[in-house]
Amino acid sequence: MIKHVVLFKFKSDLQETEKAEKLIAIKASLEQLRNSIDELLFIEVGINSNPSETYDLALISEFQTWDDLKAYVVHPEHQKVGAIIRQILDQRACVDYEF
């Protein structure tokens, strides 16, 4: 099994209300991927509640194999959400590991 962990930090010049709305929309869009990508076994998306931390959103997902993770990455629905994220993205950190 493969665990895919991604942290997103969004641009600091966003207004707080706009940022909050976008975070909620991105979270919902990511969670909906479970309905359209068969290889995606588990997904959890969390909006940061700790003002002391700098990353805004966490994504944790699970896949059976590395090939399943690759299929997820190139899936058109994942690409659509990725395009939305990239519009406001400042930094991204990712760790993929077997468990």
PDB file of N, CA and C in Angstrom:
ATOM      1  N   MET A   1       0.842  -1.178   0.000  1.00  0.00           N
ATOM      2  CA  MET A   1       0.000   0.000   0.000  1.00  0.00           C
ATOM      3  C   MET A   1       0.892   1.248   0.000  1.00  0.00           C
ATOM      4  N   ILE A   2       0.384   2.292  -0.636  1.00  0.00           N
ATOM      5  CA  ILE A   2       1.115   3.558  -0.756  1.00  0.00           C
ATOM      6  C   ILE A   2       0.314   4.661  -0.069  1.00  0.00           C
ATOM      7  N   LYS A   3       0.978   5.402   0.786  1.00  0.00           N
ATOM      8  CA  LYS A   3       0.362   6.580   1.402  1.00  0.00           C
ATOM      9  C   LYS A   3       0.957   7.805   0.725  1.00  0.00           C
ATOM     10  N   HIS A   4       0.078   8.722   0.315  1.00  0.00           N
ATOM     11  CA  HIS A   4       0.437   9.951  -0.402  1.00  0.00           C
ATOM     12  C   HIS A   4       0.025  11.115   0.500  1.00  0.00           C
ATOM     13  N   VAL A   5       1.011  11.849   1.009  1.00  0.00           N
ATOM     14  CA  VAL A   5       0.758  12.947   1.940  1.00  0.00           C
ATOM     15  C   VAL A   5       1.239  14.241   1.299  1.00  0.00           C
ATOM     16  N   VAL A   6       0.351  15.211   1.177  1.00  0.00           N
ATOM     17  CA  VAL A   6       0.693  16.481   0.534  1.00  0.00           C
ATOM     18  C   VAL A   6       0.252  17.633   1.439  1.00  0.00           C
ATOM     19  N   LEU A   7       1.147  18.619   1.577  1.00  0.00           N
ATOM     20  CA  LEU A   7       0.819  19.851   2.291  1.00  0.00           C
ATOM     21  C   LEU A   7       0.845  21.000   1.300  1.00  0.00           C
ATOM     22  N   PHE A   8      -0.128  21.882   1.407  1.00  0.00           N
ATOM     23  CA  PHE A   8      -0.230  23.033   0.509  1.00  0.00           C
ATOM     24  C   PHE A   8      -0.183  24.322   1.325  1.00  0.00           C
ATOM     25  N   LYS A   9       0.607  25.259   0.840  1.00  0.00           N
ATOM     26  CA  LYS A   9       0.622  26.613   1.394  1.00  0.00           C
ATOM     27  C   LYS A   9       0.184  27.537   0.270  1.00  0.00           C
ATOM     28  N   PHE A  10      -0.836  28.341   0.540  1.00  0.00           N
ATOM     29  CA  PHE A  10      -1.373  29.205  -0.486  1.00  0.00           C
ATOM     30  C   PHE A  10      -0.835  30.622  -0.356  1.00  0.00           C
ATOM     31  N   LYS A  11      -0.961  31.371  -1.421  1.00  0.00           N
ATOM     32  CA  LYS A  11      -0.408  32.725  -1.489  1.00  0.00           C
ATOM     33  C   LYS A  11      -0.900  33.582  -0.325  1.00  0.00           C
ATOM     34  N   SER A  12       0.012  34.342   0.248  1.00  0.00           N
ATOM     35  CA  SER A  12      -0.317  35.151   1.425  1.00  0.00           C
ATOM     36  C   SER A  12      -1.066  36.425   1.068  1.00  0.00           C
ATOM     37  N   ASP A  13      -1.103  36.785  -0.204  1.00  0.00           N
ATOM     38  CA  ASP A  13      -1.795  38.024  -0.576  1.00  0.00           C
ATOM     39  C   ASP A  13      -3.299  37.845  -0.773  1.00  0.00           C
ATOM     40  N   LEU A  14      -3.819  36.643  -0.529  1.00  0.00           N
ATOM     41  CA  LEU A  14      -5.265  36.411  -0.625  1.00  0.00           C
ATOM     42  C   LEU A  14      -5.966  37.023   0.583  1.00  0.00           C
ATOM     43  N   GLN A  15      -7.108  37.623   0.348  1.00  0.00           N
ATOM     44  CA  GLN A  15      -7.943  38.110   1.450  1.00  0.00           C
ATOM     45  C   GLN A  15      -8.403  36.896   2.268  1.00  0.00           C
ATOM     46  N   GLU A  16      -8.541  37.066   3.557  1.00  0.00           N
ATOM     47  CA  GLU A  16      -8.903  35.942   4.434  1.00  0.00           C
ATOM     48  C   GLU A  16     -10.220  35.282   4.024  1.00  0.00           C
ATOM     49  N   THR A  17     -11.225  36.083   3.665  1.00  0.00           N
ATOM     50  CA  THR A  17     -12.511  35.488   3.260  1.00  0.00           C
ATOM     51  C   THR A  17     -12.371  34.706   1.964  1.00  0.00           C
ATOM     52  N   GLU A  18     -11.638  35.285   1.009  1.00  0.00           N
ATOM     53  CA  GLU A  18     -11.416  34.594  -0.268  1.00  0.00           C
ATOM     54  C   GLU A  18     -10.649  33.299  -0.033  1.00  0.00           C
ATOM     55  N   LYS A  19      -9.622  33.361   0.805  1.00  0.00           N
ATOM     56  CA  LYS A  19      -8.818  32.175   1.104  1.00  0.00           C
ATOM     57  C   LYS A  19      -9.680  31.093   1.757  1.00  0.00           C
ATOM     58  N   ALA A  20     -10.499  31.468   2.720  1.00  0.00           N
ATOM     59  CA  ALA A  20     -11.373  30.504   3.404  1.00  0.00           C
ATOM     60  C   ALA A  20     -12.336  29.849   2.424  1.00  0.00           C
ATOM     61  N   GLU A  21     -12.930  30.643   1.534  1.00  0.00           N
ATOM     62  CA  GLU A  21     -13.854  30.097   0.528  1.00  0.00           C
ATOM     63  C   GLU A  21     -13.141  29.130  -0.404  1.00  0.00           C
ATOM     64  N   LYS A  22     -11.946  29.510  -0.843  1.00  0.00           N
ATOM     65  CA  LYS A  22     -11.189  28.642  -1.755  1.00  0.00           C
ATOM     66  C   LYS A  22     -10.773  27.347  -1.063  1.00  0.00           C
ATOM     67  N   LEU A  23     -10.356  27.438   0.207  1.00  0.00           N
ATOM     68  CA  LEU A  23      -9.975  26.236   0.950  1.00  0.00           C
ATOM     69  C   LEU A  23     -11.144  25.264   1.057  1.00  0.00           C
ATOM     70  N   ILE A  24     -12.315  25.781   1.367  1.00  0.00           N
ATOM     71  CA  ILE A  24     -13.502  24.923   1.479  1.00  0.00           C
ATOM     72  C   ILE A  24     -13.830  24.277   0.136  1.00  0.00           C
ATOM     73  N   ALA A  25     -13.754  25.054  -0.937  1.00  0.00           N
ATOM     74  CA  ALA A  25     -14.051  24.523  -2.277  1.00  0.00           C
ATOM     75  C   ALA A  25     -13.019  23.479  -2.711  1.00  0.00           C
ATOM     76  N   ILE A  26     -11.749  23.746  -2.448  1.00  0.00           N
ATOM     77  CA  ILE A  26     -10.692  22.793  -2.817  1.00  0.00           C
ATOM     78  C   ILE A  26     -10.841  21.508  -2.016  1.00  0.00           C
ATOM     79  N   LYS A  27     -11.109  21.623  -0.731  1.00  0.00           N
ATOM     80  CA  LYS A  27     -11.315  20.440   0.120  1.00  0.00           C
ATOM     81  C   LYS A  27     -12.435  19.572  -0.447  1.00  0.00           C
ATOM     82  N   ALA A  28     -13.560  20.193  -0.770  1.00  0.00           N
ATOM     83  CA  ALA A  28     -14.699  19.443  -1.311  1.00  0.00           C
ATOM     84  C   ALA A  28     -14.350  18.799  -2.649  1.00  0.00           C
ATOM     85  N   SER A  29     -13.646  19.529  -3.507  1.00  0.00           N
ATOM     86  CA  SER A  29     -13.263  18.990  -4.822  1.00  0.00           C
ATOM     87  C   SER A  29     -12.321  17.806  -4.682  1.00  0.00           C
ATOM     88  N   LEU A  30     -11.366  17.903  -3.775  1.00  0.00           N
ATOM     89  CA  LEU A  30     -10.441  16.784  -3.550  1.00  0.00           C
ATOM     90  C   LEU A  30     -11.184  15.570  -3.002  1.00  0.00           C
ATOM     91  N   GLU A  31     -12.073  15.788  -2.054  1.00  0.00           N
ATOM     92  CA  GLU A  31     -12.819  14.671  -1.469  1.00  0.00           C
ATOM     93  C   GLU A  31     -13.715  13.993  -2.506  1.00  0.00           C
ATOM     94  N   GLN A  32     -14.223  14.740  -3.469  1.00  0.00           N
ATOM     95  CA  GLN A  32     -15.067  14.173  -4.521  1.00  0.00           C
ATOM     96  C   GLN A  32     -14.305  13.246  -5.461  1.00  0.00           C
ATOM     97  N   LEU A  33     -12.982  13.364  -5.477  1.00  0.00           N
ATOM     98  CA  LEU A  33     -12.187  12.497  -6.354  1.00  0.00           C
ATOM     99  C   LEU A  33     -12.404  11.021  -6.035  1.00  0.00           C
ATOM    100  N   ARG A  34     -12.765  10.715  -4.805  1.00  0.00           N
ATOM    101  CA  ARG A  34     -13.021   9.329  -4.402  1.00  0.00           C
ATOM    102  C   ARG A  34     -14.143   8.716  -5.234  1.00  0.00           C
ATOM    103  N   ASN A  35     -15.053   9.548  -5.709  1.00  0.00           N
ATOM    104  CA  ASN A  35     -16.196   9.064  -6.495  1.00  0.00           C
ATOM    105  C   ASN A  35     -15.857   8.833  -7.960  1.00  0.00           C
ATOM    106  N   SER A  36     -14.732   9.353  -8.428  1.00  0.00           N
ATOM    107  CA  SER A  36     -14.433   9.240  -9.855  1.00  0.00           C
ATOM    108  C   SER A  36     -13.108   8.556 -10.176  1.00  0.00           C
ATOM    109  N   ILE A  37     -12.292   8.279  -9.169  1.00  0.00           N
ATOM    110  CA  ILE A  37     -11.004   7.627  -9.423  1.00  0.00           C
ATOM    111  C   ILE A  37     -10.969   6.309  -8.659  1.00  0.00           C
ATOM    112  N   ASP A  38     -11.106   5.217  -9.383  1.00  0.00           N
ATOM    113  CA  ASP A  38     -11.186   3.891  -8.761  1.00  0.00           C
ATOM    114  C   ASP A  38      -9.938   3.534  -7.955  1.00  0.00           C
ATOM    115  N   GLU A  39      -8.788   3.984  -8.405  1.00  0.00           N
ATOM    116  CA  GLU A  39      -7.518   3.640  -7.741  1.00  0.00           C
ATOM    117  C   GLU A  39      -7.372   4.302  -6.373  1.00  0.00           C
ATOM    118  N   LEU A  40      -8.132   5.340  -6.121  1.00  0.00           N
ATOM    119  CA  LEU A  40      -8.062   6.086  -4.868  1.00  0.00           C
ATOM    120  C   LEU A  40      -8.862   5.341  -3.799  1.00  0.00           C
ATOM    121  N   LEU A  41      -8.154   4.693  -2.868  1.00  0.00           N
ATOM    122  CA  LEU A  41      -8.803   3.872  -1.851  1.00  0.00           C
ATOM    123  C   LEU A  41      -9.286   4.687  -0.654  1.00  0.00           C
ATOM    124  N   PHE A  42      -8.553   5.734  -0.318  1.00  0.00           N
ATOM    125  CA  PHE A  42      -8.862   6.542   0.860  1.00  0.00           C
ATOM    126  C   PHE A  42      -8.380   7.955   0.612  1.00  0.00           C
ATOM    127  N   ILE A  43      -9.157   8.931   1.065  1.00  0.00           N
ATOM    128  CA  ILE A  43      -8.715  10.324   0.987  1.00  0.00           C
ATOM    129  C   ILE A  43      -9.232  11.074   2.208  1.00  0.00           C
ATOM    130  N   GLU A  44      -8.362  11.875   2.766  1.00  0.00           N
ATOM    131  CA  GLU A  44      -8.712  12.754   3.877  1.00  0.00           C
ATOM    132  C   GLU A  44      -8.089  14.108   3.582  1.00  0.00           C
ATOM    133  N   VAL A  45      -8.878  15.157   3.733  1.00  0.00           N
ATOM    134  CA  VAL A  45      -8.400  16.512   3.458  1.00  0.00           C
ATOM    135  C   VAL A  45      -8.722  17.363   4.672  1.00  0.00           C
ATOM    136  N   GLY A  46      -7.705  18.056   5.180  1.00  0.00           N
ATOM    137  CA  GLY A  46      -7.916  18.892   6.352  1.00  0.00           C
ATOM    138  C   GLY A  46      -7.419  20.307   6.136  1.00  0.00           C
ATOM    139  N   ILE A  47      -8.218  21.264   6.605  1.00  0.00           N
ATOM    140  CA  ILE A  47      -7.831  22.672   6.572  1.00  0.00           C
ATOM    141  C   ILE A  47      -7.154  22.988   7.904  1.00  0.00           C
ATOM    142  N   ASN A  48      -5.980  23.599   7.837  1.00  0.00           N
ATOM    143  CA  ASN A  48      -5.213  23.890   9.040  1.00  0.00           C
ATOM    144  C   ASN A  48      -5.997  24.782  10.013  1.00  0.00           C
ATOM    145  N   SER A  49      -6.049  24.380  11.273  1.00  0.00           N
ATOM    146  CA  SER A  49      -6.713  25.157  12.320  1.00  0.00           C
ATOM    147  C   SER A  49      -5.718  25.842  13.246  1.00  0.00           C
ATOM    148  N   ASN A  50      -4.440  25.547  13.069  1.00  0.00           N
ATOM    149  CA  ASN A  50      -3.404  26.056  13.959  1.00  0.00           C
ATOM    150  C   ASN A  50      -2.756  27.297  13.355  1.00  0.00           C
ATOM    151  N   PRO A  51      -3.040  28.482  13.879  1.00  0.00           N
ATOM    152  CA  PRO A  51      -2.485  29.711  13.298  1.00  0.00           C
ATOM    153  C   PRO A  51      -0.965  29.821  13.422  1.00  0.00           C
ATOM    154  N   SER A  52      -0.348  28.963  14.236  1.00  0.00           N
ATOM    155  CA  SER A  52       1.110  28.977  14.382  1.00  0.00           C
ATOM    156  C   SER A  52       1.814  28.270  13.232  1.00  0.00           C
ATOM    157  N   GLU A  53       1.078  27.521  12.441  1.00  0.00           N
ATOM    158  CA  GLU A  53       1.666  26.761  11.336  1.00  0.00           C
ATOM    159  C   GLU A  53       1.476  27.499  10.015  1.00  0.00           C
ATOM    160  N   THR A  54       2.333  27.191   9.053  1.00  0.00           N
ATOM    161  CA  THR A  54       2.329  27.954   7.810  1.00  0.00           C
ATOM    162  C   THR A  54       1.599  27.278   6.651  1.00  0.00           C
ATOM    163  N   TYR A  55       1.412  25.969   6.694  1.00  0.00           N
ATOM    164  CA  TYR A  55       0.700  25.300   5.609  1.00  0.00           C
ATOM    165  C   TYR A  55      -0.798  25.372   5.850  1.00  0.00           C
ATOM    166  N   ASP A  56      -1.563  25.467   4.775  1.00  0.00           N
ATOM    167  CA  ASP A  56      -2.997  25.716   4.858  1.00  0.00           C
ATOM    168  C   ASP A  56      -3.866  24.470   4.736  1.00  0.00           C
ATOM    169  N   LEU A  57      -3.386  23.485   3.992  1.00  0.00           N
ATOM    170  CA  LEU A  57      -4.228  22.332   3.668  1.00  0.00           C
ATOM    171  C   LEU A  57      -3.377  21.076   3.656  1.00  0.00           C
ATOM    172  N   ALA A  58      -3.929  19.992   4.192  1.00  0.00           N
ATOM    173  CA  ALA A  58      -3.255  18.692   4.163  1.00  0.00           C
ATOM    174  C   ALA A  58      -4.125  17.688   3.409  1.00  0.00           C
ATOM    175  N   LEU A  59      -3.472  16.884   2.603  1.00  0.00           N
ATOM    176  CA  LEU A  59      -4.137  15.815   1.851  1.00  0.00           C
ATOM    177  C   LEU A  59      -3.439  14.506   2.198  1.00  0.00           C
ATOM    178  N   ILE A  60      -4.221  13.521   2.615  1.00  0.00           N
ATOM    179  CA  ILE A  60      -3.694  12.184   2.876  1.00  0.00           C
ATOM    180  C   ILE A  60      -4.528  11.220   2.050  1.00  0.00           C
ATOM    181  N   SER A  61      -3.863  10.428   1.225  1.00  0.00           N
ATOM    182  CA  SER A  61      -4.596   9.464   0.402  1.00  0.00           C
ATOM    183  C   SER A  61      -3.824   8.158   0.352  1.00  0.00           C
ATOM    184  N   GLU A  62      -4.541   7.103  -0.020  1.00  0.00           N
ATOM    185  CA  GLU A  62      -3.946   5.769  -0.056  1.00  0.00           C
ATOM    186  C   GLU A  62      -4.270   5.071  -1.368  1.00  0.00           C
ATOM    187  N   PHE A  63      -3.273   4.283  -1.817  1.00  0.00           N
ATOM    188  CA  PHE A  63      -3.364   3.542  -3.062  1.00  0.00           C
ATOM    189  C   PHE A  63      -2.793   2.142  -2.848  1.00  0.00           C
ATOM    190  N   GLN A  64      -3.275   1.226  -3.623  1.00  0.00           N
ATOM    191  CA  GLN A  64      -2.794  -0.153  -3.517  1.00  0.00           C
ATOM    192  C   GLN A  64      -1.358  -0.277  -4.029  1.00  0.00           C
ATOM    193  N   THR A  65      -1.060   0.379  -5.155  1.00  0.00           N
ATOM    194  CA  THR A  65       0.258   0.227  -5.790  1.00  0.00           C
ATOM    195  C   THR A  65       0.780   1.587  -6.271  1.00  0.00           C
ATOM    196  N   TRP A  66       2.065   1.605  -6.623  1.00  0.00           N
ATOM    197  CA  TRP A  66       2.662   2.810  -7.212  1.00  0.00           C
ATOM    198  C   TRP A  66       1.986   3.144  -8.542  1.00  0.00           C
ATOM    199  N   ASP A  67       1.626   2.129  -9.305  1.00  0.00           N
ATOM    200  CA  ASP A  67       0.936   2.377 -10.576  1.00  0.00           C
ATOM    201  C   ASP A  67      -0.430   3.031 -10.353  1.00  0.00           C
ATOM    202  N   ASP A  68      -1.099   2.652  -9.270  1.00  0.00           N
ATOM    203  CA  ASP A  68      -2.381   3.278  -8.944  1.00  0.00           C
ATOM    204  C   ASP A  68      -2.190   4.754  -8.601  1.00  0.00           C
ATOM    205  N   LEU A  69      -1.125   5.068  -7.870  1.00  0.00           N
ATOM    206  CA  LEU A  69      -0.824   6.471  -7.566  1.00  0.00           C
ATOM    207  C   LEU A  69      -0.535   7.244  -8.848  1.00  0.00           C
ATOM    208  N   LYS A  70       0.223   6.637  -9.756  1.00  0.00           N
ATOM    209  CA  LYS A  70       0.517   7.292 -11.040  1.00  0.00           C
ATOM    210  C   LYS A  70      -0.762   7.531 -11.837  1.00  0.00           C
ATOM    211  N   ALA A  71      -1.684   6.564 -11.824  1.00  0.00           N
ATOM    212  CA  ALA A  71      -2.959   6.718 -12.537  1.00  0.00           C
ATOM    213  C   ALA A  71      -3.775   7.868 -11.940  1.00  0.00           C
ATOM    214  N   TYR A  72      -3.745   8.001 -10.632  1.00  0.00           N
ATOM    215  CA  TYR A  72      -4.429   9.099  -9.940  1.00  0.00           C
ATOM    216  C   TYR A  72      -3.859  10.446 -10.361  1.00  0.00           C
ATOM    217  N   VAL A  73      -2.545  10.544 -10.406  1.00  0.00           N
ATOM    218  CA  VAL A  73      -1.882  11.811 -10.729  1.00  0.00           C
ATOM    219  C   VAL A  73      -2.295  12.324 -12.109  1.00  0.00           C
ATOM    220  N   VAL A  74      -2.424  11.446 -13.083  1.00  0.00           N
ATOM    221  CA  VAL A  74      -2.738  11.872 -14.452  1.00  0.00           C
ATOM    222  C   VAL A  74      -4.237  11.840 -14.771  1.00  0.00           C
ATOM    223  N   HIS A  75      -5.041  11.391 -13.829  1.00  0.00           N
ATOM    224  CA  HIS A  75      -6.483  11.308 -14.068  1.00  0.00           C
ATOM    225  C   HIS A  75      -7.041  12.711 -14.355  1.00  0.00           C
ATOM    226  N   PRO A  76      -7.906  12.852 -15.358  1.00  0.00           N
ATOM    227  CA  PRO A  76      -8.444  14.172 -15.720  1.00  0.00           C
ATOM    228  C   PRO A  76      -9.136  14.912 -14.570  1.00  0.00           C
ATOM    229  N   GLU A  77      -9.835  14.212 -13.701  1.00  0.00           N
ATOM    230  CA  GLU A  77     -10.511  14.877 -12.578  1.00  0.00           C
ATOM    231  C   GLU A  77      -9.493  15.414 -11.574  1.00  0.00           C
ATOM    232  N   HIS A  78      -8.430  14.666 -11.345  1.00  0.00           N
ATOM    233  CA  HIS A  78      -7.357  15.138 -10.462  1.00  0.00           C
ATOM    234  C   HIS A  78      -6.660  16.342 -11.094  1.00  0.00           C
ATOM    235  N   GLN A  79      -6.456  16.295 -12.381  1.00  0.00           N
ATOM    236  CA  GLN A  79      -5.817  17.406 -13.087  1.00  0.00           C
ATOM    237  C   GLN A  79      -6.647  18.686 -12.983  1.00  0.00           C
ATOM    238  N   LYS A  80      -7.973  18.560 -13.025  1.00  0.00           N
ATOM    239  CA  LYS A  80      -8.850  19.730 -12.895  1.00  0.00           C
ATOM    240  C   LYS A  80      -8.673  20.398 -11.529  1.00  0.00           C
ATOM    241  N   VAL A  81      -8.663  19.588 -10.469  1.00  0.00           N
ATOM    242  CA  VAL A  81      -8.482  20.140  -9.124  1.00  0.00           C
ATOM    243  C   VAL A  81      -7.080  20.736  -8.992  1.00  0.00           C
ATOM    244  N   GLY A  82      -6.098  20.049  -9.557  1.00  0.00           N
ATOM    245  CA  GLY A  82      -4.724  20.555  -9.512  1.00  0.00           C
ATOM    246  C   GLY A  82      -4.591  21.924 -10.161  1.00  0.00           C
ATOM    247  N   ALA A  83      -5.308  22.145 -11.244  1.00  0.00           N
ATOM    248  CA  ALA A  83      -5.261  23.448 -11.929  1.00  0.00           C
ATOM    249  C   ALA A  83      -5.830  24.548 -11.039  1.00  0.00           C
ATOM    250  N   ILE A  84      -6.868  24.251 -10.306  1.00  0.00           N
ATOM    251  CA  ILE A  84      -7.455  25.222  -9.380  1.00  0.00           C
ATOM    252  C   ILE A  84      -6.466  25.524  -8.253  1.00  0.00           C
ATOM    253  N   ILE A  85      -5.856  24.488  -7.720  1.00  0.00           N
ATOM    254  CA  ILE A  85      -4.888  24.661  -6.633  1.00  0.00           C
ATOM    255  C   ILE A  85      -3.704  25.503  -7.096  1.00  0.00           C
ATOM    256  N   ARG A  86      -3.190  25.224  -8.275  1.00  0.00           N
ATOM    257  CA  ARG A  86      -2.002  25.951  -8.766  1.00  0.00           C
ATOM    258  C   ARG A  86      -2.245  27.452  -8.920  1.00  0.00           C
ATOM    259  N   GLN A  87      -3.495  27.868  -9.101  1.00  0.00           N
ATOM    260  CA  GLN A  87      -3.806  29.297  -9.239  1.00  0.00           C
ATOM    261  C   GLN A  87      -3.456  30.085  -7.978  1.00  0.00           C
ATOM    262  N   ILE A  88      -3.521  29.445  -6.821  1.00  0.00           N
ATOM    263  CA  ILE A  88      -3.266  30.154  -5.564  1.00  0.00           C
ATOM    264  C   ILE A  88      -2.113  29.535  -4.763  1.00  0.00           C
ATOM    265  N   LEU A  89      -1.426  28.569  -5.338  1.00  0.00           N
ATOM    266  CA  LEU A  89      -0.375  27.833  -4.627  1.00  0.00           C
ATOM    267  C   LEU A  89       0.895  28.657  -4.462  1.00  0.00           C
ATOM    268  N   ASP A  90       1.430  28.612  -3.263  1.00  0.00           N
ATOM    269  CA  ASP A  90       2.736  29.212  -2.979  1.00  0.00           C
ATOM    270  C   ASP A  90       3.782  28.116  -2.821  1.00  0.00           C
ATOM    271  N   GLN A  91       3.478  27.108  -1.983  1.00  0.00           N
ATOM    272  CA  GLN A  91       4.403  26.001  -1.752  1.00  0.00           C
ATOM    273  C   GLN A  91       3.643  24.690  -1.622  1.00  0.00           C
ATOM    274  N   ARG A  92       4.352  23.616  -1.963  1.00  0.00           N
ATOM    275  CA  ARG A  92       3.785  22.266  -1.839  1.00  0.00           C
ATOM    276  C   ARG A  92       4.874  21.360  -1.307  1.00  0.00           C
ATOM    277  N   ALA A  93       4.510  20.501  -0.380  1.00  0.00           N
ATOM    278  CA  ALA A  93       5.427  19.467   0.123  1.00  0.00           C
ATOM    279  C   ALA A  93       4.725  18.126   0.010  1.00  0.00           C
ATOM    280  N   CYS A  94       5.471  17.102  -0.375  1.00  0.00           N
ATOM    281  CA  CYS A  94       4.858  15.786  -0.589  1.00  0.00           C
ATOM    282  C   CYS A  94       5.784  14.690  -0.088  1.00  0.00           C
ATOM    283  N   VAL A  95       5.175  13.676   0.520  1.00  0.00           N
ATOM    284  CA  VAL A  95       5.884  12.451   0.901  1.00  0.00           C
ATOM    285  C   VAL A  95       4.993  11.281   0.482  1.00  0.00           C
ATOM    286  N   ASP A  96       5.592  10.326  -0.232  1.00  0.00           N
ATOM    287  CA  ASP A  96       4.909   9.090  -0.608  1.00  0.00           C
ATOM    288  C   ASP A  96       5.679   7.942   0.010  1.00  0.00           C
ATOM    289  N   TYR A  97       4.974   7.038   0.705  1.00  0.00           N
ATOM    290  CA  TYR A  97       5.694   5.923   1.321  1.00  0.00           C
ATOM    291  C   TYR A  97       4.836   4.665   1.332  1.00  0.00           C
ATOM    292  N   GLU A  98       5.535   3.533   1.413  1.00  0.00           N
ATOM    293  CA  GLU A  98       4.863   2.245   1.497  1.00  0.00           C
ATOM    294  C   GLU A  98       4.563   1.940   2.952  1.00  0.00           C
ATOM    295  N   PHE A  99       3.417   1.312   3.176  1.00  0.00           N
ATOM    296  CA  PHE A  99       3.074   0.901   4.537  1.00  0.00           C
ATOM    297  C   PHE A  99       2.378  -0.439   4.516  1.00  0.00           C
TER     298      PHE A  99
END
